Amino acid sequence: MNIPSLLVNHPEEFNQPPIEQAFTIPSSWYHNHEVFDFEREVVFARNWQYVCHTDQLKDTGDVVHALIAGNPILLIKTKEGDIRGYFNVCKHRGGPLAVKKGTTTVLQCQYHGWTYLTDGSLRGVPDWNLVELFDEKDFGLEPVELSFWDGLIFARLTSGGPELLKTVEGITNRISPISMKNLQFYKEDVYDINCNWKVYVDNYLEGYHIPIVHPELANMLDYKEYTTEAHSMYSLQHSPFKSLDNVYQVENGEAFYYFLFPNMMLNILPGRLQMNLVEPVSTNNCKVYFWYFYDDIEAKEKAGIIKGDIEYSEVIQHEDIEICEAVQRGLQSKAYDKGRFSVKRELGVYHFQSLLKKQFQFAIQK
């Protein structure tokens, strides 16, 4: 693991003063290539990463593919009803895997046709009879650690650190009687954004920009009551609606906006879950995945709730994309290095950047 010189040479950047005295992380952390590579190893590979909802793996042979810290993985539902995770990498020459046509229990490399069972063992190798000193037991798929919470499936590439249920402790009780477990998957949207992944996360974590960037959202939420809470590995922003006249048609509703470090968002309302995942692509590019889930898709479609929800989310997302891309340009300019935090409005950003500093510092000292 290569430790970026700008981190080693500036240990003062890891100081953790209270928010009233703190500066933001340096602008170089948003566009330095060494920092980007370092993040993949010490942040994304070592923390739990959301992969999918159990509703997306209902039947034997169902497969979901994902990318974590640049590593392709897959999850598959076995005939025993288990969900297993593997690196999506054939042990021959690194090809990708998919369920073999005509089966639900065999994975086949899409490059040279090697086949594997859902327990990860190598089953078949075409045109291999002349190869010497070869033991199939040494060429099984590499497993990926999985953990489950309230219908959501997470993976971790590097073991160690807190268990998933410890990192999300308190959320289930807080959102009750809402439950994510029995929701149905509706659709996925993906956005390619010209900004560093942390710019998008910073933006999500504060309501400070809502009156300027999202005037429609400001009219729907009670901004005066918009509150941020910081917990161990997540933060929560929440606000009541100003009135019952809202796109979600929720009575006595409250919006819960959870952020799970390092890159996952849970936007929760009664009967509706919108999940976001920010995937780093390069120093100044990221992908943001939107997944929509509902408790009764047929009824909500008839009522126009889903259509209104997605159209409204699309407007908000394009407003966020525009400002995030502008901020990335500002962070890369000669005019900016570090800023300060609004104590009232930017606790979530401060909390996120503090966790990032801690993980950097731990990896460097280790």
Protein backbone atom coordinates (compact mmCIF):
# COMPACT_ATOMS: atom_id res chain seq x y z
CA MET A 1 0.00 0.00 0.00
CA ASN A 2 1.43 3.35 -1.08
CA ILE A 3 0.80 6.16 1.40
CA PRO A 4 0.44 9.54 -0.35
CA SER A 5 3.31 11.86 0.41
CA LEU A 6 0.97 14.80 0.95
CA LEU A 7 -0.62 12.88 3.84
CA VAL A 8 2.69 11.85 5.36
CA ASN A 9 4.18 15.35 5.06
CA HIS A 10 1.19 17.11 6.62
CA PRO A 11 0.21 15.26 9.82
CA GLU A 12 -1.43 18.45 11.08
CA GLU A 13 -4.30 17.79 8.68
CA PHE A 14 -5.42 14.92 10.93
CA ASN A 15 -6.11 17.18 13.89
CA GLN A 16 -9.70 16.91 15.10
CA PRO A 17 -10.75 20.20 16.74
CA PRO A 18 -14.44 20.70 17.55
CA ILE A 19 -16.64 21.87 14.71
CA GLU A 20 -16.63 25.42 16.05
CA GLN A 21 -12.87 25.60 15.37
CA ALA A 22 -12.43 23.08 12.56
CA PHE A 23 -11.39 23.56 8.96
CA THR A 24 -12.58 21.36 6.10
CA ILE A 25 -10.23 18.80 4.56
CA PRO A 26 -7.72 20.24 2.06
CA SER A 27 -8.83 20.71 -1.53
CA SER A 28 -5.96 18.46 -2.70
CA TRP A 29 -7.75 15.48 -1.16
CA TYR A 30 -10.45 15.95 -3.81
CA HIS A 31 -8.22 15.74 -6.86
CA ASN A 32 -4.93 14.02 -5.93
CA HIS A 33 -4.48 10.65 -7.68
CA GLU A 34 -2.48 9.12 -4.82
CA VAL A 35 -5.19 10.03 -2.33
CA PHE A 36 -7.82 8.47 -4.60
CA ASP A 37 -5.92 5.16 -4.78
CA PHE A 38 -5.31 5.28 -1.01
CA GLU A 39 -9.03 5.74 -0.37
CA ARG A 40 -9.91 2.66 -2.37
CA GLU A 41 -7.65 0.54 -0.20
CA VAL A 42 -8.20 1.96 3.30
CA VAL A 43 -11.79 3.22 3.04
CA PHE A 44 -13.75 1.23 0.47
CA ALA A 45 -12.11 -2.18 0.74
CA ARG A 46 -12.25 -2.12 4.56
CA ASN A 47 -15.78 -0.88 5.16
CA TRP A 48 -19.13 -2.53 4.51
CA GLN A 49 -20.47 -1.72 1.06
CA TYR A 50 -24.12 -2.06 0.08
CA VAL A 51 -24.71 -4.48 -2.81
CA CYS A 52 -28.46 -5.08 -3.15
CA HIS A 53 -31.80 -5.79 -1.46
CA THR A 54 -32.87 -9.39 -0.85
CA ASP A 55 -35.88 -8.70 -3.13
CA GLN A 56 -33.40 -8.59 -6.03
CA LEU A 57 -32.29 -12.17 -5.27
CA LYS A 58 -35.63 -13.93 -4.85
CA ASP A 59 -35.18 -17.03 -7.04
CA THR A 60 -32.55 -19.75 -7.37
CA GLY A 61 -29.84 -18.63 -9.79
CA ASP A 62 -30.56 -14.90 -9.46
CA VAL A 63 -27.30 -12.95 -9.67
CA VAL A 64 -26.35 -9.37 -8.84
CA HIS A 65 -23.04 -7.86 -9.95
CA ALA A 66 -21.28 -4.97 -8.23
CA LEU A 67 -17.96 -3.15 -8.10
CA ILE A 68 -16.22 -2.45 -4.78
CA ALA A 69 -12.97 -0.50 -4.69
CA GLY A 70 -12.41 -1.46 -8.32
CA ASN A 71 -13.04 -5.15 -7.59
CA PRO A 72 -15.89 -6.93 -9.44
CA ILE A 73 -18.03 -9.13 -7.20
CA LEU A 74 -21.22 -11.13 -7.63
CA LEU A 75 -23.94 -12.43 -5.34
CA ILE A 76 -25.98 -15.52 -6.22
CA LYS A 77 -29.05 -17.20 -4.73
CA THR A 78 -28.40 -20.93 -4.29
CA LYS A 79 -30.91 -23.78 -4.53
CA GLU A 80 -30.61 -24.14 -0.74
CA GLY A 81 -31.93 -20.59 -0.38
CA ASP A 82 -28.61 -19.09 0.69
CA ILE A 83 -27.06 -15.97 -0.79
CA ARG A 84 -23.34 -16.26 -1.44
CA GLY A 85 -20.78 -13.74 -2.57
CA TYR A 86 -17.64 -14.15 -4.66
CA PHE A 87 -15.16 -12.06 -6.55
CA ASN A 88 -16.51 -12.01 -10.09
CA VAL A 89 -13.17 -13.31 -11.36
CA CYS A 90 -12.47 -16.65 -13.02
CA LYS A 91 -9.29 -18.29 -11.67
CA HIS A 92 -8.11 -19.10 -15.19
CA ARG A 93 -7.31 -15.67 -16.63
CA GLY A 94 -9.60 -13.28 -14.78
CA GLY A 95 -12.73 -13.42 -16.94
CA PRO A 96 -16.22 -12.45 -15.65
CA LEU A 97 -18.82 -14.98 -14.55
CA ALA A 98 -22.53 -15.40 -15.24
CA VAL A 99 -25.08 -18.14 -14.64
CA LYS A 100 -24.63 -20.78 -17.33
CA LYS A 101 -27.52 -20.86 -19.78
CA GLY A 102 -29.95 -23.67 -19.05
CA THR A 103 -28.97 -23.94 -15.36
CA THR A 104 -29.54 -22.07 -12.11
CA THR A 105 -26.73 -23.67 -10.11
CA VAL A 106 -23.65 -23.29 -12.31
CA LEU A 107 -21.55 -20.20 -12.90
CA GLN A 108 -19.65 -20.03 -16.17
CA CYS A 109 -16.75 -17.82 -17.18
CA GLN A 110 -17.75 -15.68 -20.15
CA TYR A 111 -14.21 -15.80 -21.53
CA HIS A 112 -13.16 -19.46 -21.81
CA GLY A 113 -16.07 -21.40 -20.32
CA TRP A 114 -14.69 -22.61 -16.99
CA THR A 115 -17.64 -23.55 -14.75
CA TYR A 116 -18.13 -23.31 -10.99
CA LEU A 117 -20.79 -24.53 -8.58
CA THR A 118 -22.54 -22.07 -6.27
CA ASP A 119 -20.32 -23.26 -3.39
CA GLY A 120 -17.41 -21.73 -5.33
CA SER A 121 -15.78 -25.01 -6.32
CA LEU A 122 -14.41 -25.52 -9.82
CA ARG A 123 -16.60 -27.94 -11.74
CA GLY A 124 -15.45 -28.07 -15.37
CA VAL A 125 -12.43 -27.04 -17.42
CA PRO A 126 -12.66 -27.38 -21.22
CA ASP A 127 -9.65 -28.73 -23.19
CA TRP A 128 -7.49 -29.31 -20.10
CA ASN A 129 -6.48 -32.95 -20.42
CA LEU A 130 -2.82 -32.22 -21.25
CA VAL A 131 -2.21 -29.85 -18.33
CA GLU A 132 0.09 -31.29 -15.63
CA LEU A 133 0.28 -30.72 -11.87
CA PHE A 134 -3.18 -29.13 -11.75
CA ASP A 135 -5.53 -29.55 -8.78
CA GLU A 136 -9.08 -28.22 -9.20
CA LYS A 137 -9.31 -27.63 -5.44
CA ASP A 138 -6.74 -24.83 -5.77
CA PHE A 139 -8.80 -22.91 -8.33
CA GLY A 140 -12.14 -22.30 -6.64
CA LEU A 141 -13.77 -18.88 -6.59
CA GLU A 142 -12.58 -16.37 -4.00
CA PRO A 143 -15.39 -15.73 -1.47
CA VAL A 144 -16.51 -12.30 -0.32
CA GLU A 145 -17.66 -11.61 3.24
CA LEU A 146 -21.38 -10.77 3.41
CA SER A 147 -23.64 -9.37 6.09
CA PHE A 148 -27.41 -8.82 6.16
CA TRP A 149 -29.52 -6.11 7.80
CA ASP A 150 -33.25 -5.48 7.45
CA GLY A 151 -33.38 -6.90 3.91
CA LEU A 152 -30.19 -5.14 2.76
CA ILE A 153 -27.04 -7.05 1.76
CA PHE A 154 -23.55 -5.70 2.32
CA ALA A 155 -20.10 -6.97 1.35
CA ARG A 156 -16.62 -6.30 2.72
CA LEU A 157 -13.40 -7.12 0.90
CA THR A 158 -11.08 -6.86 3.90
CA SER A 159 -12.06 -8.46 7.20
CA GLY A 160 -11.69 -6.71 10.53
CA GLY A 161 -13.36 -3.65 11.96
CA PRO A 162 -16.86 -3.42 13.40
CA GLU A 163 -19.59 -5.83 12.40
CA LEU A 164 -22.36 -4.42 10.23
CA LEU A 165 -25.05 -4.60 12.90
CA LYS A 166 -22.82 -2.54 15.17
CA THR A 167 -22.33 0.18 12.55
CA VAL A 168 -26.10 0.55 11.93
CA GLU A 169 -27.11 0.19 15.57
CA GLY A 170 -30.18 2.24 16.45
CA ILE A 171 -31.55 2.83 12.94
CA THR A 172 -34.15 0.05 12.95
CA ASN A 173 -35.74 1.26 16.17
CA ARG A 174 -35.59 4.90 15.09
CA ILE A 175 -37.53 4.42 11.84
CA SER A 176 -40.07 1.96 13.34
CA PRO A 177 -42.79 1.09 12.38
CA ILE A 178 -41.20 1.55 8.94
CA SER A 179 -39.33 -1.58 7.86
CA MET A 180 -37.14 -1.95 4.78
CA LYS A 181 -37.21 -5.74 4.79
CA ASN A 182 -40.48 -6.31 2.92
CA LEU A 183 -40.15 -3.57 0.33
CA GLN A 184 -40.20 -4.42 -3.38
CA PHE A 185 -37.51 -3.33 -5.83
CA TYR A 186 -38.89 -1.03 -8.53
CA LYS A 187 -36.07 0.45 -10.62
CA GLU A 188 -32.45 1.60 -10.80
CA ASP A 189 -31.08 4.86 -12.17
CA VAL A 190 -27.37 5.61 -12.62
CA TYR A 191 -25.78 9.03 -13.00
CA ASP A 192 -22.25 9.79 -14.18
CA ILE A 193 -21.06 12.94 -12.42
CA ASN A 194 -17.93 15.01 -13.01
CA CYS A 195 -16.90 15.40 -9.39
CA ASN A 196 -14.93 13.55 -6.75
CA TRP A 197 -17.05 11.14 -4.72
CA LYS A 198 -16.49 13.20 -1.56
CA VAL A 199 -17.97 16.30 -3.18
CA TYR A 200 -21.23 14.45 -3.72
CA VAL A 201 -21.17 13.06 -0.18
CA ASP A 202 -20.43 16.49 1.33
CA ASN A 203 -23.36 17.94 -0.59
CA TYR A 204 -25.74 15.22 0.58
CA LEU A 205 -24.77 15.72 4.20
CA GLU A 206 -26.01 19.25 4.69
CA GLY A 207 -29.27 21.05 4.25
CA TYR A 208 -27.45 24.39 4.15
CA HIS A 209 -27.76 24.54 0.36
CA ILE A 210 -31.46 23.61 0.19
CA PRO A 211 -32.94 27.15 0.06
CA ILE A 212 -30.56 28.15 -2.76
CA VAL A 213 -30.19 24.95 -4.82
CA HIS A 214 -33.53 23.21 -4.15
CA PRO A 215 -36.29 25.84 -3.80
CA GLU A 216 -39.07 23.26 -4.33
CA LEU A 217 -37.66 21.03 -1.60
CA ALA A 218 -37.35 24.05 0.69
CA ASN A 219 -41.08 24.65 0.22
CA MET A 220 -41.92 21.05 1.07
CA LEU A 221 -39.71 20.53 4.16
CA ASP A 222 -39.83 22.57 7.34
CA TYR A 223 -36.31 23.98 7.00
CA LYS A 224 -36.42 25.60 10.45
CA GLU A 225 -36.85 22.14 11.95
CA TYR A 226 -34.21 20.49 9.71
CA THR A 227 -31.93 18.64 12.13
CA THR A 228 -28.69 16.66 11.85
CA GLU A 229 -27.51 13.98 14.27
CA ALA A 230 -24.05 12.36 14.30
CA HIS A 231 -23.63 8.76 15.45
CA SER A 232 -20.65 6.41 15.41
CA MET A 233 -20.54 5.37 11.73
CA TYR A 234 -23.58 7.16 10.36
CA SER A 235 -25.44 10.44 10.52
CA LEU A 236 -29.10 11.33 10.21
CA GLN A 237 -30.80 14.38 8.74
CA HIS A 238 -34.51 14.63 9.31
CA SER A 239 -37.29 17.12 8.85
CA PRO A 240 -41.07 17.15 9.08
CA PHE A 241 -43.10 18.13 6.05
CA LYS A 242 -44.63 21.60 6.06
CA SER A 243 -48.01 20.21 5.05
CA LEU A 244 -49.75 17.08 3.83
CA ASP A 245 -49.68 18.47 0.30
CA ASN A 246 -46.48 16.75 -0.82
CA VAL A 247 -45.41 14.52 -3.68
CA TYR A 248 -45.20 11.49 -1.37
CA GLN A 249 -48.79 11.90 -0.12
CA VAL A 250 -47.65 11.03 3.40
CA GLU A 251 -49.77 12.06 6.36
CA ASN A 252 -47.96 13.17 9.53
CA GLY A 253 -44.79 12.22 7.70
CA GLU A 254 -41.15 12.84 8.39
CA ALA A 255 -38.25 12.39 6.01
CA PHE A 256 -35.26 10.42 7.29
CA TYR A 257 -31.99 10.92 5.41
CA TYR A 258 -29.40 8.45 6.69
CA PHE A 259 -25.78 8.42 5.57
CA LEU A 260 -23.75 5.26 6.24
CA PHE A 261 -20.02 5.83 6.04
CA PRO A 262 -18.37 5.93 3.59
CA ASN A 263 -20.77 6.27 0.62
CA MET A 264 -24.33 5.05 1.16
CA MET A 265 -27.56 7.00 1.62
CA LEU A 266 -30.95 5.78 2.86
CA ASN A 267 -33.81 8.16 2.10
CA ILE A 268 -36.71 6.75 4.07
CA LEU A 269 -40.42 7.56 4.13
CA PRO A 270 -43.40 5.40 5.10
CA GLY A 271 -43.81 2.79 2.36
CA ARG A 272 -40.90 4.11 0.31
CA LEU A 273 -37.12 3.75 0.28
CA GLN A 274 -34.75 5.46 -2.09
CA MET A 275 -31.16 4.28 -1.76
CA ASN A 276 -28.08 5.99 -3.17
CA LEU A 277 -24.57 4.64 -3.50
CA VAL A 278 -21.64 6.80 -4.58
CA GLU A 279 -19.04 4.81 -6.51
CA PRO A 280 -15.62 6.44 -7.01
CA VAL A 281 -14.47 6.28 -10.64
CA SER A 282 -11.51 8.69 -10.72
CA THR A 283 -10.29 11.74 -8.87
CA ASN A 284 -12.95 13.93 -10.46
CA ASN A 285 -15.62 11.43 -11.53
CA CYS A 286 -18.11 9.25 -9.72
CA LYS A 287 -21.21 7.20 -10.41
CA VAL A 288 -24.29 7.62 -8.24
CA TYR A 289 -26.76 4.75 -8.13
CA PHE A 290 -30.41 5.34 -7.23
CA TRP A 291 -32.56 2.35 -6.24
CA TYR A 292 -36.29 2.76 -5.61
CA PHE A 293 -38.29 0.43 -3.35
CA TYR A 294 -41.98 0.54 -2.35
CA ASP A 295 -44.26 -1.46 -0.08
CA ASP A 296 -47.12 -1.82 -2.59
CA ILE A 297 -45.99 -1.07 -6.13
CA GLU A 298 -49.35 -1.70 -7.81
CA ALA A 299 -51.29 0.60 -5.49
CA LYS A 300 -48.68 3.35 -5.57
CA GLU A 301 -48.51 3.22 -9.36
CA LYS A 302 -52.28 3.61 -9.61
CA ALA A 303 -52.16 6.56 -7.22
CA GLY A 304 -49.40 8.21 -9.22
CA ILE A 305 -47.11 8.25 -6.19
CA ILE A 306 -44.22 6.41 -7.86
CA LYS A 307 -44.33 8.55 -10.98
CA GLY A 308 -44.36 11.73 -8.91
CA ASP A 309 -41.62 10.46 -6.60
CA ILE A 310 -39.22 9.58 -9.42
CA GLU A 311 -39.90 12.76 -11.41
CA TYR A 312 -39.34 14.86 -8.30
CA SER A 313 -36.14 12.98 -7.43
CA GLU A 314 -34.88 13.53 -10.98
CA VAL A 315 -35.28 17.30 -10.60
CA ILE A 316 -33.44 17.33 -7.27
CA GLN A 317 -30.66 15.11 -8.65
CA HIS A 318 -29.98 17.35 -11.64
CA GLU A 319 -29.81 20.36 -9.34
CA ASP A 320 -27.28 18.49 -7.18
CA ILE A 321 -25.24 17.40 -10.20
CA GLU A 322 -24.97 20.96 -11.46
CA ILE A 323 -23.76 22.35 -8.13
CA CYS A 324 -21.42 19.41 -7.39
CA GLU A 325 -19.66 19.75 -10.74
CA ALA A 326 -19.27 23.49 -10.13
CA VAL A 327 -17.83 22.81 -6.67
CA GLN A 328 -15.32 20.34 -8.12
CA ARG A 329 -14.05 23.06 -10.45
CA GLY A 330 -13.78 25.42 -7.50
CA LEU A 331 -11.86 22.89 -5.41
CA GLN A 332 -9.34 22.44 -8.23
CA SER A 333 -8.82 26.18 -8.65
CA LYS A 334 -5.88 28.12 -7.26
CA ALA A 335 -8.27 30.22 -5.18
CA TYR A 336 -9.28 27.57 -2.65
CA ASP A 337 -7.62 25.28 -0.09
CA LYS A 338 -9.74 24.87 3.05
CA GLY A 339 -12.96 26.32 4.42
CA ARG A 340 -14.94 26.35 7.67
CA PHE A 341 -18.16 24.71 8.87
CA SER A 342 -21.54 26.11 9.77
CA VAL A 343 -22.05 24.76 13.28
CA LYS A 344 -25.82 24.74 12.81
CA ARG A 345 -26.03 23.34 9.29
CA GLU A 346 -22.89 21.30 8.48
CA LEU A 347 -22.49 18.83 11.33
CA GLY A 348 -22.95 15.93 8.87
CA VAL A 349 -20.08 17.12 6.66
CA TYR A 350 -17.83 17.62 9.68
CA HIS A 351 -18.70 14.13 10.96
CA PHE A 352 -17.97 12.51 7.58
CA GLN A 353 -14.65 14.30 7.13
CA SER A 354 -13.66 13.42 10.72
CA LEU A 355 -14.29 9.72 10.04
CA LEU A 356 -12.27 9.97 6.83
CA LYS A 357 -9.35 11.53 8.72
CA LYS A 358 -9.49 8.80 11.37
CA GLN A 359 -9.37 6.03 8.78
CA PHE A 360 -6.49 7.69 6.95
CA GLN A 361 -4.56 8.18 10.15
CA PHE A 362 -5.17 4.62 11.34
CA ALA A 363 -3.91 3.19 8.04
CA ILE A 364 -0.79 5.40 8.07
CA GLN A 365 0.12 4.55 11.67
CA LYS A 366 -0.53 0.86 11.11
